[in-house]
């Protein structure tokens, strides 16, 4: 979409500042420009617009309705309007507002401190892509599946692992893959785990899905080993399952029956619930380690007593949650949290893995702070086995190993 086809709304209470931005947009060739003095007026413009608004350039500190309230109301309208935040607020506060906007589901183009330059404005608007709603995913997300529907799907063999690659940040080479469950629903298409995991855990049926994933993921990893002998596969293991003292034996048997050496499988423990029976859980985890499995603490920093678990379970990997990784390259507070987690992992002789890597900037920043491995959409989205096999064949390690060797002594704010 060219600039002159865009419909841009400028939301700014200061008439002089608003006029400057309008003039900049006109000089860039934008023909359709609307104006509003605060969030309330902006919502009226959006509701009444004959040509749908594509981008809202929004100040934060405004009378009547500020920018934050505007975004809250905007999200409810599902209008598809993208937002570019312009503000003189403190950087730390802007970072918090940016996180809030994404939590509301706002399609955020960027956050810029005023005054914005013509070059900045042109560059940011050039990144705009129409915010399209995937109808099939929307239907799936809003459909409340019953427990029986989910279990019927498992009985019909509709659940499959999708694989997301993990790369070594020193070499750029493929180091492993994470198996992420997807429900291939005959009516609603590909369903993400958010639609069914909680239901299974709540009703104590999560083990049924876990063993489906273990068997299929182990078989896939065994198949890929002919071309990638060192590849590993990571499979999520619910904390709830660890209450069963027979779990470790069952997991070991399923994985070995699929032809995979347990040393090639990493079990990711997500602390989505409190560990109700600590002794049973620790016994299972210790036995899994004894049989050769490696353990990973998943979504580090978001669960219950993560630091305590690191000291009492023989983890070999620490996965830094994507909520810390996204935007950390340009957010000082997040950068400190990520680097501290990586440093702690290294001191504990544990590998660090960053989830949710979406840009080259994120990847380069992770290398600079010494992260060992990474995964995320910038590298590749989760894919079925056929697509992953093709990815392995075409993977170019040099694409992800452009930086020199990591200097772990580099200061936290190094870019």
Foldseek 3Di string as FASTA:
>chain_A
DAQQPAAEEEEAQDPVLSVVVVVLSVVSNHDHYHYHNALVRVVVCQVPPPDHHAEYEAEADGPPHGPLNSLLVVLVVPRQHAYEYEYQDDPQVQVVSVLVSVVSVHNYLYYYYPPDDSVRVVVSVVPGDGRDDDVLQVVLVPDQDAPVNVVVLVVVVQKAWFWFFKAFLQQLATQEIETAIWGQDPPSGTYHCVRPCVNCLVVVNNVSVQLVHLLRQLLLVVVLCVVVVRYAYEYEDELSVLQDLCVLVVSLVSNVVSVHQQLRYEYEYEQPDDNPDVVSNQNSQVSSVVSNHAYEHPCPPPHPPNVVCLVRGRHQEYEHHLVLLVPVLPHLVSLVVVLVVCVVCVVSNHAYEYEADDDPSSLVLCQQQPHGMYTHVNLNDGGHSVVVSVCNVPRDSCVSNVDHHYDNVDDSNDD
